[in-house]
Amino acid sequence: MNDDINESFAEAVKFGRVRSSDWQSYTWKNELVEQRRRIGLHLEEALSDAETEHNPLHMLERAIGVAAICMRRLLECRLVTDRFRDSQLDVHEIYVKKDVEWREPFVSQTASEIFNNYDLKVRHPERRTPKIISDKLLHARVIGVLSASAYVPDGLLIASDIQSRTNLFHFTPSEMGAILDAFLADEVRIASDGYLDEEGNFQGTRKLFAKRD
């Protein structure tokens, strides 16, 4: 009996060890705070035509992409409450023009054919889930800075490749900040994970559940 135990232990040791921990929100929120700052800074630089050693538009594209990764990880790792995950956040969208031949943007450019493809005379209030917003930002095909328009406020134009065929997100600096602040302000206070059996009881290993309040 003891020989069997010693043999099993010796075999288990051969597999080495795996270190892990619980997912934590602070790692991603700390980075999101920094990217929020960068988005605000570089957007202001672009809007004011500030003289800088860097290209504010390049820095802005990077900051949006990194922020989107942080947003996605907070959602995917269940580091936000279920209430927030299922909520609807305020956004504005600019629709494609009707009865106009679509011009495919050049692959090398982040916002070509904007004036041909989109109706920039009006933006439309909408409500979208945090996941939809973060997905579009992460897969952004269009990133542009709109200024000096007589119709809509100065701000960001962002859309994923699929989204761009129907609309663009339009964010003023404060609206972009509000979206990021919504992720930062949400805090999970109670987290529970477990298994449900086929009758919905808290036992067995049939179905995994996770709840975040």
Protein backbone atom coordinates (compact mmCIF):
# COMPACT_ATOMS: atom_id res chain seq x y z
CA MET A 1 0.00 0.00 0.00
CA ASN A 2 2.76 2.42 1.00
CA ASP A 3 4.72 1.51 -2.12
CA ASP A 4 1.73 2.43 -4.27
CA ILE A 5 1.40 5.78 -2.51
CA ASN A 6 5.11 6.54 -2.86
CA GLU A 7 5.02 5.59 -6.53
CA SER A 8 1.97 7.81 -7.17
CA PHE A 9 3.64 10.71 -5.35
CA ALA A 10 6.87 10.26 -7.29
CA GLU A 11 4.94 10.26 -10.56
CA ALA A 12 3.00 13.39 -9.57
CA VAL A 13 6.24 15.23 -8.80
CA LYS A 14 7.42 14.64 -12.35
CA PHE A 15 4.69 16.95 -13.68
CA GLY A 16 6.24 19.94 -11.91
CA ARG A 17 4.00 22.64 -10.48
CA VAL A 18 1.68 25.33 -11.75
CA ARG A 19 1.35 28.64 -9.97
CA SER A 20 -1.81 30.70 -10.45
CA SER A 21 -4.01 33.22 -8.72
CA ASP A 22 -7.42 34.81 -8.95
CA TRP A 23 -7.99 37.34 -11.73
CA GLN A 24 -7.59 40.88 -10.40
CA SER A 25 -9.04 44.12 -11.72
CA TYR A 26 -6.34 46.51 -10.51
CA THR A 27 -3.79 45.33 -13.09
CA TRP A 28 -6.07 46.27 -15.97
CA LYS A 29 -7.62 49.32 -14.33
CA ASN A 30 -4.20 50.82 -13.59
CA GLU A 31 -3.35 50.54 -17.27
CA LEU A 32 -6.75 51.85 -18.30
CA VAL A 33 -6.23 54.95 -16.14
CA GLU A 34 -2.98 55.63 -17.98
CA GLN A 35 -4.54 55.14 -21.40
CA ARG A 36 -7.46 57.38 -20.44
CA ARG A 37 -4.91 60.09 -19.69
CA ARG A 38 -3.13 59.48 -22.97
CA ILE A 39 -6.31 59.56 -25.03
CA GLY A 40 -7.29 62.88 -23.49
CA LEU A 41 -3.80 64.32 -23.96
CA HIS A 42 -3.28 63.26 -27.56
CA LEU A 43 -6.83 64.13 -28.59
CA GLU A 44 -6.31 67.65 -27.23
CA GLU A 45 -2.98 67.86 -29.06
CA ALA A 46 -4.62 66.84 -32.32
CA LEU A 47 -7.55 69.23 -31.92
CA SER A 48 -5.31 72.18 -31.06
CA ASP A 49 -2.66 71.44 -33.72
CA ALA A 50 -0.06 71.45 -30.97
CA GLU A 51 3.59 71.28 -31.95
CA THR A 52 4.92 68.02 -30.56
CA GLU A 53 7.90 65.74 -31.17
CA HIS A 54 5.48 62.88 -31.82
CA ASN A 55 2.47 62.53 -34.09
CA PRO A 56 -0.56 62.86 -31.79
CA LEU A 57 -2.67 60.77 -34.16
CA HIS A 58 -0.25 57.85 -33.96
CA MET A 59 -0.18 58.06 -30.17
CA LEU A 60 -3.96 58.31 -30.09
CA GLU A 61 -4.37 55.16 -32.17
CA ARG A 62 -2.10 53.26 -29.80
CA ALA A 63 -3.83 54.54 -26.67
CA ILE A 64 -7.27 53.57 -27.99
CA GLY A 65 -6.05 50.07 -28.83
CA VAL A 66 -4.43 49.48 -25.44
CA ALA A 67 -7.47 50.89 -23.63
CA ALA A 68 -9.72 48.53 -25.58
CA ILE A 69 -7.61 45.54 -24.51
CA CYS A 70 -8.01 46.59 -20.87
CA MET A 71 -11.76 46.97 -21.31
CA ARG A 72 -12.05 43.55 -22.92
CA ARG A 73 -10.00 41.84 -20.19
CA LEU A 74 -12.14 43.39 -17.46
CA LEU A 75 -15.19 41.93 -19.18
CA GLU A 76 -13.74 38.54 -20.16
CA CYS A 77 -12.22 37.84 -16.75
CA ARG A 78 -15.48 38.78 -15.02
CA LEU A 79 -13.85 41.70 -13.23
CA VAL A 80 -16.93 43.88 -13.58
CA THR A 81 -20.37 43.37 -12.08
CA ASP A 82 -23.06 41.50 -13.96
CA ARG A 83 -25.15 44.65 -13.77
CA PHE A 84 -22.48 46.68 -15.57
CA ARG A 85 -21.79 43.95 -18.11
CA ASP A 86 -25.46 43.89 -19.09
CA SER A 87 -25.92 47.66 -18.97
CA GLN A 88 -26.28 50.09 -21.87
CA LEU A 89 -23.88 53.03 -22.17
CA ASP A 90 -24.64 56.26 -24.00
CA VAL A 91 -22.89 56.73 -27.34
CA HIS A 92 -23.44 58.73 -30.53
CA GLU A 93 -23.27 57.29 -34.02
CA ILE A 94 -22.86 58.87 -37.44
CA TYR A 95 -24.60 56.89 -40.16
CA VAL A 96 -23.49 56.13 -43.69
CA LYS A 97 -24.96 58.29 -46.42
CA LYS A 98 -27.94 56.98 -48.30
CA ASP A 99 -27.93 56.70 -52.10
CA VAL A 100 -24.18 57.29 -52.31
CA GLU A 101 -21.71 54.88 -53.86
CA TRP A 102 -19.55 53.43 -51.08
CA ARG A 103 -15.84 54.02 -51.44
CA GLU A 104 -13.68 51.46 -49.70
CA PRO A 105 -11.05 53.22 -47.54
CA PHE A 106 -7.40 52.70 -48.40
CA VAL A 107 -5.86 49.98 -46.24
CA SER A 108 -2.92 52.22 -45.36
CA GLN A 109 -5.10 54.99 -43.96
CA THR A 110 -7.11 55.17 -40.76
CA ALA A 111 -9.92 57.43 -41.94
CA SER A 112 -10.09 57.95 -45.68
CA GLU A 113 -13.34 58.53 -47.63
CA ILE A 114 -15.07 59.82 -44.51
CA PHE A 115 -16.83 62.71 -46.21
CA ASN A 116 -17.99 60.55 -49.10
CA ASN A 117 -19.29 57.64 -47.04
CA TYR A 118 -20.88 59.24 -43.96
CA ASP A 119 -23.51 61.85 -43.22
CA LEU A 120 -21.51 64.21 -41.03
CA LYS A 121 -24.36 66.64 -40.60
CA VAL A 122 -25.87 64.81 -37.64
CA ARG A 123 -24.96 62.33 -34.95
CA HIS A 124 -27.53 60.02 -33.42
CA PRO A 125 -27.80 59.10 -29.71
CA GLU A 126 -27.70 55.35 -29.11
CA ARG A 127 -27.11 52.96 -26.23
CA ARG A 128 -24.65 50.06 -26.53
CA THR A 129 -23.35 47.42 -24.12
CA PRO A 130 -19.81 47.71 -22.75
CA LYS A 131 -18.81 44.63 -24.76
CA ILE A 132 -20.04 46.06 -28.05
CA ILE A 133 -18.17 49.30 -27.42
CA SER A 134 -14.92 47.61 -26.40
CA ASP A 135 -15.12 45.19 -29.34
CA LYS A 136 -15.48 48.04 -31.83
CA LEU A 137 -12.58 49.95 -30.30
CA LEU A 138 -10.34 46.89 -30.23
CA HIS A 139 -11.02 46.10 -33.90
CA ALA A 140 -10.99 49.73 -35.00
CA ARG A 141 -10.66 50.13 -38.76
CA VAL A 142 -11.50 53.82 -38.61
CA ILE A 143 -9.84 56.21 -36.17
CA GLY A 144 -10.05 59.89 -36.97
CA VAL A 145 -10.26 63.27 -35.28
CA LEU A 146 -13.04 65.58 -36.46
CA SER A 147 -12.70 69.31 -35.86
CA ALA A 148 -14.13 72.64 -37.05
CA SER A 149 -17.45 71.11 -38.12
CA ALA A 150 -20.52 73.34 -38.22
CA TYR A 151 -22.73 70.33 -37.52
CA VAL A 152 -21.21 68.12 -34.81
CA PRO A 153 -18.75 68.80 -31.96
CA ASP A 154 -15.03 68.20 -32.17
CA GLY A 155 -14.17 64.66 -31.29
CA LEU A 156 -13.17 61.13 -32.19
CA LEU A 157 -14.53 59.03 -35.05
CA ILE A 158 -14.07 55.30 -34.39
CA ALA A 159 -15.48 52.18 -36.03
CA SER A 160 -14.54 48.53 -36.45
CA ASP A 161 -14.23 47.07 -39.94
CA ILE A 162 -17.73 45.56 -39.89
CA GLN A 163 -19.30 48.50 -38.08
CA SER A 164 -17.88 51.02 -40.55
CA ARG A 165 -20.24 49.77 -43.23
CA THR A 166 -23.20 51.17 -41.30
CA ASN A 167 -21.95 53.79 -38.84
CA LEU A 168 -19.13 55.43 -36.92
CA PHE A 169 -18.95 56.10 -33.20
CA HIS A 170 -18.51 59.81 -32.46
CA PHE A 171 -17.12 60.78 -29.05
CA THR A 172 -16.36 64.24 -27.74
CA PRO A 173 -13.37 64.25 -25.36
CA SER A 174 -15.67 64.22 -22.32
CA GLU A 175 -17.85 61.45 -23.77
CA MET A 176 -14.83 59.26 -24.43
CA GLY A 177 -13.68 59.88 -20.88
CA ALA A 178 -17.13 58.96 -19.54
CA ILE A 179 -17.02 55.57 -21.28
CA LEU A 180 -13.64 54.75 -19.75
CA ASP A 181 -14.73 56.09 -16.36
CA ALA A 182 -17.72 53.73 -16.40
CA PHE A 183 -15.33 50.75 -16.57
CA LEU A 184 -13.09 52.24 -13.88
CA ALA A 185 -15.92 53.08 -11.48
CA ASP A 186 -17.57 49.67 -11.54
CA GLU A 187 -16.42 47.49 -8.63
CA VAL A 188 -17.13 43.86 -7.84
CA ARG A 189 -17.84 43.44 -4.12
CA ILE A 190 -19.19 39.89 -4.09
CA ALA A 191 -17.93 37.13 -6.40
CA SER A 192 -19.13 33.55 -6.44
CA ASP A 193 -18.24 30.59 -8.66
CA GLY A 194 -19.48 27.03 -8.57
CA TYR A 195 -21.29 24.20 -10.28
CA LEU A 196 -24.95 23.43 -10.82
CA ASP A 197 -26.42 20.01 -11.44
CA GLU A 198 -29.04 19.40 -14.10
CA GLU A 199 -31.77 20.44 -11.65
CA GLY A 200 -30.10 23.75 -10.80
CA ASN A 201 -28.79 22.74 -7.37
CA PHE A 202 -25.38 23.91 -6.19
CA GLN A 203 -23.55 20.65 -6.62
CA GLY A 204 -22.06 18.32 -9.19
CA THR A 205 -19.93 19.45 -12.12
CA ARG A 206 -22.52 19.60 -14.88
CA LYS A 207 -22.70 23.35 -15.38
CA LEU A 208 -20.35 26.09 -14.25
CA PHE A 209 -21.79 29.36 -12.96
CA ALA A 210 -20.21 32.67 -11.99
CA LYS A 211 -21.89 35.65 -10.39
CA ARG A 212 -20.49 39.12 -9.80
CA ASP A 213 -22.23 41.77 -7.68
